[in-house]
Amino acid sequence: MKKLLIVGGSKGIGKSILENALNEFDCINMSRTTLQIVHDNLTHYTIDVLNDDLPELDDVDALVFCPGSITLKPITMLKEKDFIADFNINVLGAVKVIKKYLSQLKKADDGNIVLFSTVAVNQGMPFHSSIAVAKAGVEALSKSLAAELAPNVRVNCVAPSITDTSLASGILRSDKQREALSQRHPLKKILTPEEVAQMALFLLSQKASGITGQIIGVDAGLGSLKI
């Protein structure tokens, strides 16, 4: 059974990926909060990947890095520390984990990395300067690594629109706000964690063995359609 390392599998999209992967992968989760899931195919480390030492792992066939942030402020209210914090969480956290386990990924039969961006990188949205800059870094990292690590390791990035997770609870704070945001999307919906997780699981599978270096939108049509 292949070993899948998920960073940030205790909440939101990461949790959905983990729950769906447990019967197919030997899963290792690293997150700052403990898991409520117990499974024979699950090992959990309560850890802050930015500030703590990462554990030694013998084998890693695939890696999904889920941590993210939603810092939405006008540029006049954003501080340098906001940009630095978003960059650290989204880019440097991923870099640290990838570098730690890269030798294991290179030895795998189908080494695989999945990262997460946002539709806001290419869509252009007000108040998204800090997080869009950080996630643009994630997209650039994904493409650069896909080129560098081919053919041994595939690297892809999922770019969702707003998803109904605890991270987005401040934005989806009322029925009125939910409805307004739903109407901005061609499919007139807010994404569920499961919908985004299924794309990540597809990219991890052999069905996606010919896909690398891609930024794939799961965004209810927001990133490419104007209706």
C-alpha atoms as a PDB file:
ATOM      1  CA  MET A   1       0.000   0.000   0.000  1.00  0.00           C
ATOM      2  CA  LYS A   2       1.402   3.400  -0.974  1.00  0.00           C
ATOM      3  CA  LYS A   3       2.179   5.952   1.719  1.00  0.00           C
ATOM      4  CA  LEU A   4       0.434   9.300   1.474  1.00  0.00           C
ATOM      5  CA  LEU A   5       1.602  12.215   3.599  1.00  0.00           C
ATOM      6  CA  ILE A   6      -1.077  14.845   4.184  1.00  0.00           C
ATOM      7  CA  VAL A   7      -0.142  18.095   5.857  1.00  0.00           C
ATOM      8  CA  GLY A   8      -3.239  19.768   7.276  1.00  0.00           C
ATOM      9  CA  GLY A   9      -5.592  16.790   7.279  1.00  0.00           C
ATOM     10  CA  SER A  10      -7.474  17.688  10.444  1.00  0.00           C
ATOM     11  CA  LYS A  11      -9.834  20.254   8.899  1.00  0.00           C
ATOM     12  CA  GLY A  12     -11.558  21.316   5.714  1.00  0.00           C
ATOM     13  CA  ILE A  13     -10.307  20.055   2.365  1.00  0.00           C
ATOM     14  CA  GLY A  14      -7.399  18.197   3.944  1.00  0.00           C
ATOM     15  CA  LYS A  15      -9.741  16.268   6.230  1.00  0.00           C
ATOM     16  CA  SER A  16     -11.908  15.283   3.292  1.00  0.00           C
ATOM     17  CA  ILE A  17      -8.855  14.073   1.372  1.00  0.00           C
ATOM     18  CA  LEU A  18      -7.732  12.055   4.372  1.00  0.00           C
ATOM     19  CA  GLU A  19     -11.127  10.449   4.990  1.00  0.00           C
ATOM     20  CA  ASN A  20     -11.414   9.406   1.345  1.00  0.00           C
ATOM     21  CA  ALA A  21      -7.830   8.145   1.085  1.00  0.00           C
ATOM     22  CA  LEU A  22      -7.720   5.870   4.126  1.00  0.00           C
ATOM     23  CA  ASN A  23      -8.859   2.706   2.372  1.00  0.00           C
ATOM     24  CA  GLU A  24      -6.444   3.135  -0.525  1.00  0.00           C
ATOM     25  CA  PHE A  25      -3.326   4.623   1.107  1.00  0.00           C
ATOM     26  CA  ASP A  26      -1.282   4.165   4.232  1.00  0.00           C
ATOM     27  CA  CYS A  27      -1.873   7.723   5.434  1.00  0.00           C
ATOM     28  CA  ILE A  28       0.356   9.947   7.546  1.00  0.00           C
ATOM     29  CA  ASN A  29      -1.162  13.195   8.747  1.00  0.00           C
ATOM     30  CA  MET A  30       0.667  16.199  10.173  1.00  0.00           C
ATOM     31  CA  SER A  31      -1.341  19.065  11.610  1.00  0.00           C
ATOM     32  CA  ARG A  32      -1.392  21.439  14.557  1.00  0.00           C
ATOM     33  CA  THR A  33      -4.677  20.021  15.822  1.00  0.00           C
ATOM     34  CA  THR A  34      -5.339  16.416  16.749  1.00  0.00           C
ATOM     35  CA  LEU A  35      -7.514  14.146  14.644  1.00  0.00           C
ATOM     36  CA  GLN A  36     -10.873  12.719  15.618  1.00  0.00           C
ATOM     37  CA  ILE A  37     -10.294   9.828  13.210  1.00  0.00           C
ATOM     38  CA  VAL A  38      -8.883   6.444  14.205  1.00  0.00           C
ATOM     39  CA  HIS A  39      -7.954   3.979  11.471  1.00  0.00           C
ATOM     40  CA  ASP A  40      -5.501   1.118  10.971  1.00  0.00           C
ATOM     41  CA  ASN A  41      -4.058   2.936   7.946  1.00  0.00           C
ATOM     42  CA  LEU A  42      -3.467   6.219   9.762  1.00  0.00           C
ATOM     43  CA  THR A  43      -0.500   7.671  11.632  1.00  0.00           C
ATOM     44  CA  HIS A  44      -0.868  11.150  13.090  1.00  0.00           C
ATOM     45  CA  TYR A  45       1.706  13.724  14.192  1.00  0.00           C
ATOM     46  CA  THR A  46       0.542  16.794  16.076  1.00  0.00           C
ATOM     47  CA  ILE A  47       3.055  19.271  14.722  1.00  0.00           C
ATOM     48  CA  ASP A  48       3.494  22.809  13.423  1.00  0.00           C
ATOM     49  CA  VAL A  49       5.400  22.195  10.212  1.00  0.00           C
ATOM     50  CA  LEU A  50       6.675  25.773  10.070  1.00  0.00           C
ATOM     51  CA  ASN A  51       8.257  25.811  13.512  1.00  0.00           C
ATOM     52  CA  ASP A  52       8.808  22.189  14.579  1.00  0.00           C
ATOM     53  CA  ASP A  53      11.269  19.582  13.396  1.00  0.00           C
ATOM     54  CA  LEU A  54       9.684  17.196  10.923  1.00  0.00           C
ATOM     55  CA  PRO A  55       9.706  13.484  11.779  1.00  0.00           C
ATOM     56  CA  GLU A  56      11.853  10.972   9.944  1.00  0.00           C
ATOM     57  CA  LEU A  57       9.792   8.810   7.587  1.00  0.00           C
ATOM     58  CA  ASP A  58      11.084   5.756   5.747  1.00  0.00           C
ATOM     59  CA  ASP A  59       8.777   5.965   2.753  1.00  0.00           C
ATOM     60  CA  VAL A  60       6.619   8.674   1.196  1.00  0.00           C
ATOM     61  CA  ASP A  61       4.993   7.978  -2.180  1.00  0.00           C
ATOM     62  CA  ALA A  62       2.757  11.043  -2.341  1.00  0.00           C
ATOM     63  CA  LEU A  63       2.453  14.375  -0.566  1.00  0.00           C
ATOM     64  CA  VAL A  64      -0.509  16.738  -0.265  1.00  0.00           C
ATOM     65  CA  PHE A  65       0.134  20.116   1.371  1.00  0.00           C
ATOM     66  CA  CYS A  66      -3.151  21.683   2.466  1.00  0.00           C
ATOM     67  CA  PRO A  67      -2.402  24.541   4.911  1.00  0.00           C
ATOM     68  CA  GLY A  68      -3.602  27.917   3.737  1.00  0.00           C
ATOM     69  CA  SER A  69      -4.835  31.293   4.874  1.00  0.00           C
ATOM     70  CA  ILE A  70      -7.480  33.844   3.967  1.00  0.00           C
ATOM     71  CA  THR A  71      -6.187  37.336   4.657  1.00  0.00           C
ATOM     72  CA  LEU A  72      -8.686  39.729   3.091  1.00  0.00           C
ATOM     73  CA  LYS A  73      -7.915  43.415   3.669  1.00  0.00           C
ATOM     74  CA  PRO A  74      -7.630  46.584   1.610  1.00  0.00           C
ATOM     75  CA  ILE A  75      -4.030  47.264   0.619  1.00  0.00           C
ATOM     76  CA  THR A  76      -4.036  50.320   2.912  1.00  0.00           C
ATOM     77  CA  MET A  77      -4.658  48.026   5.895  1.00  0.00           C
ATOM     78  CA  LEU A  78      -2.200  45.283   4.966  1.00  0.00           C
ATOM     79  CA  LYS A  79       1.104  45.259   6.821  1.00  0.00           C
ATOM     80  CA  GLU A  80       4.354  43.698   5.705  1.00  0.00           C
ATOM     81  CA  LYS A  81       3.841  41.094   8.395  1.00  0.00           C
ATOM     82  CA  ASP A  82       0.591  40.006   6.674  1.00  0.00           C
ATOM     83  CA  PHE A  83       2.418  39.307   3.422  1.00  0.00           C
ATOM     84  CA  ILE A  84       5.217  37.529   5.274  1.00  0.00           C
ATOM     85  CA  ALA A  85       2.803  35.379   7.288  1.00  0.00           C
ATOM     86  CA  ASP A  86       0.831  34.327   4.201  1.00  0.00           C
ATOM     87  CA  PHE A  87       4.038  33.560   2.293  1.00  0.00           C
ATOM     88  CA  ASN A  88       5.418  31.521   5.187  1.00  0.00           C
ATOM     89  CA  ILE A  89       2.265  29.427   5.591  1.00  0.00           C
ATOM     90  CA  ASN A  90       1.580  28.790   1.937  1.00  0.00           C
ATOM     91  CA  VAL A  91       4.998  28.718   0.260  1.00  0.00           C
ATOM     92  CA  LEU A  92       7.780  28.171   2.767  1.00  0.00           C
ATOM     93  CA  GLY A  93       5.776  25.569   4.671  1.00  0.00           C
ATOM     94  CA  ALA A  94       5.353  23.583   1.464  1.00  0.00           C
ATOM     95  CA  VAL A  95       9.034  24.034   0.565  1.00  0.00           C
ATOM     96  CA  LYS A  96      10.149  22.782   3.981  1.00  0.00           C
ATOM     97  CA  VAL A  97       8.040  19.622   3.782  1.00  0.00           C
ATOM     98  CA  ILE A  98       8.935  18.884   0.158  1.00  0.00           C
ATOM     99  CA  LYS A  99      12.664  19.264   0.803  1.00  0.00           C
ATOM    100  CA  LYS A 100      12.454  17.013   3.870  1.00  0.00           C
ATOM    101  CA  TYR A 101      10.831  14.108   2.029  1.00  0.00           C
ATOM    102  CA  LEU A 102      12.009  14.650  -1.525  1.00  0.00           C
ATOM    103  CA  SER A 103      14.439  11.729  -1.521  1.00  0.00           C
ATOM    104  CA  GLN A 104      11.593   9.380  -0.565  1.00  0.00           C
ATOM    105  CA  LEU A 105       9.305  10.826  -3.230  1.00  0.00           C
ATOM    106  CA  LYS A 106      11.978  10.384  -5.887  1.00  0.00           C
ATOM    107  CA  LYS A 107      12.304   6.690  -5.004  1.00  0.00           C
ATOM    108  CA  ALA A 108       8.570   6.035  -5.323  1.00  0.00           C
ATOM    109  CA  ASP A 109       7.131   4.286  -8.383  1.00  0.00           C
ATOM    110  CA  ASP A 110       4.842   7.250  -9.013  1.00  0.00           C
ATOM    111  CA  GLY A 111       6.052  10.095  -6.831  1.00  0.00           C
ATOM    112  CA  ASN A 112       3.341  12.688  -6.494  1.00  0.00           C
ATOM    113  CA  ILE A 113       2.893  16.148  -4.991  1.00  0.00           C
ATOM    114  CA  VAL A 114      -0.379  18.101  -4.844  1.00  0.00           C
ATOM    115  CA  LEU A 115      -0.430  21.710  -3.670  1.00  0.00           C
ATOM    116  CA  PHE A 116      -3.259  24.235  -3.303  1.00  0.00           C
ATOM    117  CA  SER A 117      -3.705  27.700  -4.771  1.00  0.00           C
ATOM    118  CA  THR A 118      -6.809  29.864  -5.227  1.00  0.00           C
ATOM    119  CA  VAL A 119      -8.926  31.169  -8.085  1.00  0.00           C
ATOM    120  CA  ALA A 120      -7.968  34.675  -6.890  1.00  0.00           C
ATOM    121  CA  VAL A 121      -4.461  34.371  -8.377  1.00  0.00           C
ATOM    122  CA  ASN A 122      -5.693  34.697 -11.953  1.00  0.00           C
ATOM    123  CA  GLN A 123      -9.164  36.129 -11.435  1.00  0.00           C
ATOM    124  CA  GLY A 124      -8.144  39.377  -9.774  1.00  0.00           C
ATOM    125  CA  MET A 125     -10.257  40.113  -6.699  1.00  0.00           C
ATOM    126  CA  PRO A 126     -10.283  43.131  -4.385  1.00  0.00           C
ATOM    127  CA  PHE A 127      -8.768  42.747  -0.924  1.00  0.00           C
ATOM    128  CA  HIS A 128      -6.889  39.566  -1.952  1.00  0.00           C
ATOM    129  CA  SER A 129      -3.427  41.112  -2.457  1.00  0.00           C
ATOM    130  CA  SER A 130      -1.614  39.220   0.281  1.00  0.00           C
ATOM    131  CA  ILE A 131      -3.091  35.776  -0.209  1.00  0.00           C
ATOM    132  CA  ALA A 132      -3.027  36.077  -4.017  1.00  0.00           C
ATOM    133  CA  VAL A 133       0.686  36.912  -3.917  1.00  0.00           C
ATOM    134  CA  ALA A 134       1.378  33.918  -1.673  1.00  0.00           C
ATOM    135  CA  LYS A 135      -0.690  31.513  -3.754  1.00  0.00           C
ATOM    136  CA  ALA A 136       0.912  32.805  -6.954  1.00  0.00           C
ATOM    137  CA  GLY A 137       4.138  31.631  -5.347  1.00  0.00           C
ATOM    138  CA  VAL A 138       2.581  28.208  -4.814  1.00  0.00           C
ATOM    139  CA  GLU A 139       1.614  28.017  -8.484  1.00  0.00           C
ATOM    140  CA  ALA A 140       5.112  29.021  -9.582  1.00  0.00           C
ATOM    141  CA  LEU A 141       6.593  26.464  -7.197  1.00  0.00           C
ATOM    142  CA  SER A 142       4.326  23.765  -8.605  1.00  0.00           C
ATOM    143  CA  LYS A 143       5.360  24.403 -12.201  1.00  0.00           C
ATOM    144  CA  SER A 144       9.053  24.787 -11.411  1.00  0.00           C
ATOM    145  CA  LEU A 145       9.144  21.561  -9.415  1.00  0.00           C
ATOM    146  CA  ALA A 146       7.131  19.699 -12.038  1.00  0.00           C
ATOM    147  CA  ALA A 147       9.830  20.552 -14.571  1.00  0.00           C
ATOM    148  CA  GLU A 148      12.711  19.864 -12.204  1.00  0.00           C
ATOM    149  CA  LEU A 149      11.441  16.561 -10.825  1.00  0.00           C
ATOM    150  CA  ALA A 150      10.109  14.991 -14.049  1.00  0.00           C
ATOM    151  CA  PRO A 151       9.882  12.140 -14.826  1.00  0.00           C
ATOM    152  CA  ASN A 152      10.216  10.775 -11.290  1.00  0.00           C
ATOM    153  CA  VAL A 153       7.711  12.979  -9.447  1.00  0.00           C
ATOM    154  CA  ARG A 154       4.502  14.526 -10.740  1.00  0.00           C
ATOM    155  CA  VAL A 155       3.563  17.936  -9.296  1.00  0.00           C
ATOM    156  CA  ASN A 156       0.169  19.569  -9.707  1.00  0.00           C
ATOM    157  CA  CYS A 157      -1.813  22.335  -8.036  1.00  0.00           C
ATOM    158  CA  VAL A 158      -5.536  22.660  -7.335  1.00  0.00           C
ATOM    159  CA  ALA A 159      -6.976  26.189  -7.397  1.00  0.00           C
ATOM    160  CA  PRO A 160     -10.420  26.271  -5.773  1.00  0.00           C
ATOM    161  CA  SER A 161     -12.867  29.067  -5.295  1.00  0.00           C
ATOM    162  CA  ILE A 162     -14.260  29.750  -1.831  1.00  0.00           C
ATOM    163  CA  THR A 163     -15.049  26.452  -0.115  1.00  0.00           C
ATOM    164  CA  ASP A 164     -17.345  25.779   2.820  1.00  0.00           C
ATOM    165  CA  THR A 165     -14.695  25.186   5.484  1.00  0.00           C
ATOM    166  CA  SER A 166     -13.914  26.607   8.915  1.00  0.00           C
ATOM    167  CA  LEU A 167     -11.202  28.729   7.297  1.00  0.00           C
ATOM    168  CA  ALA A 168     -13.866  30.506   5.243  1.00  0.00           C
ATOM    169  CA  SER A 169     -16.387  30.836   8.064  1.00  0.00           C
ATOM    170  CA  GLY A 170     -15.683  34.550   8.456  1.00  0.00           C
ATOM    171  CA  ILE A 171     -16.673  35.125   4.833  1.00  0.00           C
ATOM    172  CA  LEU A 172     -19.621  32.712   4.782  1.00  0.00           C
ATOM    173  CA  ARG A 173     -20.973  34.272   7.939  1.00  0.00           C
ATOM    174  CA  SER A 174     -24.625  34.616   6.968  1.00  0.00           C
ATOM    175  CA  ASP A 175     -27.191  33.206   4.579  1.00  0.00           C
ATOM    176  CA  LYS A 176     -27.204  36.524   2.739  1.00  0.00           C
ATOM    177  CA  GLN A 177     -23.433  36.401   2.237  1.00  0.00           C
ATOM    178  CA  ARG A 178     -23.580  32.779   1.107  1.00  0.00           C
ATOM    179  CA  GLU A 179     -26.258  33.576  -1.437  1.00  0.00           C
ATOM    180  CA  ALA A 180     -24.368  36.585  -2.768  1.00  0.00           C
ATOM    181  CA  LEU A 181     -21.184  34.582  -3.210  1.00  0.00           C
ATOM    182  CA  SER A 182     -23.050  31.676  -4.771  1.00  0.00           C
ATOM    183  CA  GLN A 183     -24.538  33.981  -7.383  1.00  0.00           C
ATOM    184  CA  ARG A 184     -21.076  35.161  -8.450  1.00  0.00           C
ATOM    185  CA  HIS A 185     -20.283  31.639  -9.650  1.00  0.00           C
ATOM    186  CA  PRO A 186     -21.638  30.312 -12.956  1.00  0.00           C
ATOM    187  CA  LEU A 187     -22.734  27.113 -11.202  1.00  0.00           C
ATOM    188  CA  LYS A 188     -24.459  29.207  -8.491  1.00  0.00           C
ATOM    189  CA  LYS A 189     -22.935  27.310  -5.611  1.00  0.00           C
ATOM    190  CA  ILE A 190     -20.358  27.335  -2.839  1.00  0.00           C
ATOM    191  CA  LEU A 191     -17.976  24.412  -3.132  1.00  0.00           C
ATOM    192  CA  THR A 192     -17.898  21.652  -0.530  1.00  0.00           C
ATOM    193  CA  PRO A 193     -14.586  20.276   0.771  1.00  0.00           C
ATOM    194  CA  GLU A 194     -15.499  16.940  -0.809  1.00  0.00           C
ATOM    195  CA  GLU A 195     -15.720  18.453  -4.291  1.00  0.00           C
ATOM    196  CA  VAL A 196     -12.237  19.931  -4.035  1.00  0.00           C
ATOM    197  CA  ALA A 197     -10.819  16.829  -2.350  1.00  0.00           C
ATOM    198  CA  GLN A 198     -11.967  14.627  -5.218  1.00  0.00           C
ATOM    199  CA  MET A 199      -9.735  16.535  -7.640  1.00  0.00           C
ATOM    200  CA  ALA A 200      -6.728  16.056  -5.366  1.00  0.00           C
ATOM    201  CA  LEU A 201      -7.523  12.337  -5.068  1.00  0.00           C
ATOM    202  CA  PHE A 202      -7.782  12.072  -8.848  1.00  0.00           C
ATOM    203  CA  LEU A 203      -4.361  13.690  -9.260  1.00  0.00           C
ATOM    204  CA  LEU A 204      -2.933  11.202  -6.762  1.00  0.00           C
ATOM    205  CA  SER A 205      -4.315   8.256  -8.720  1.00  0.00           C
ATOM    206  CA  GLN A 206      -2.937   6.327 -11.666  1.00  0.00           C
ATOM    207  CA  LYS A 207      -5.781   7.797 -13.725  1.00  0.00           C
ATOM    208  CA  ALA A 208      -3.786  11.042 -13.686  1.00  0.00           C
ATOM    209  CA  SER A 209      -0.428   9.423 -14.494  1.00  0.00           C
ATOM    210  CA  GLY A 210      -0.045  11.645 -17.574  1.00  0.00           C
ATOM    211  CA  ILE A 211      -0.697  14.925 -15.743  1.00  0.00           C
ATOM    212  CA  THR A 212       2.002  17.138 -14.257  1.00  0.00           C
ATOM    213  CA  GLY A 213       2.748  20.850 -14.028  1.00  0.00           C
ATOM    214  CA  GLN A 214      -0.927  21.812 -14.109  1.00  0.00           C
ATOM    215  CA  ILE A 215      -2.915  24.413 -12.182  1.00  0.00           C
ATOM    216  CA  ILE A 216      -6.416  22.956 -12.133  1.00  0.00           C
ATOM    217  CA  GLY A 217      -9.379  25.107 -11.198  1.00  0.00           C
ATOM    218  CA  VAL A 218     -12.187  23.664  -9.107  1.00  0.00           C
ATOM    219  CA  ASP A 219     -14.122  26.886  -8.873  1.00  0.00           C
ATOM    220  CA  ALA A 220     -17.749  26.425 -10.025  1.00  0.00           C
ATOM    221  CA  GLY A 221     -16.759  28.155 -13.267  1.00  0.00           C
ATOM    222  CA  LEU A 222     -15.654  31.424 -11.671  1.00  0.00           C
ATOM    223  CA  GLY A 223     -12.127  31.406 -13.061  1.00  0.00           C
ATOM    224  CA  SER A 224     -12.993  30.899 -16.720  1.00  0.00           C
ATOM    225  CA  LEU A 225     -16.605  31.826 -17.400  1.00  0.00           C
ATOM    226  CA  LYS A 226     -18.485  35.105 -17.439  1.00  0.00           C
ATOM    227  CA  ILE A 227     -22.237  34.618 -17.291  1.00  0.00           C
END
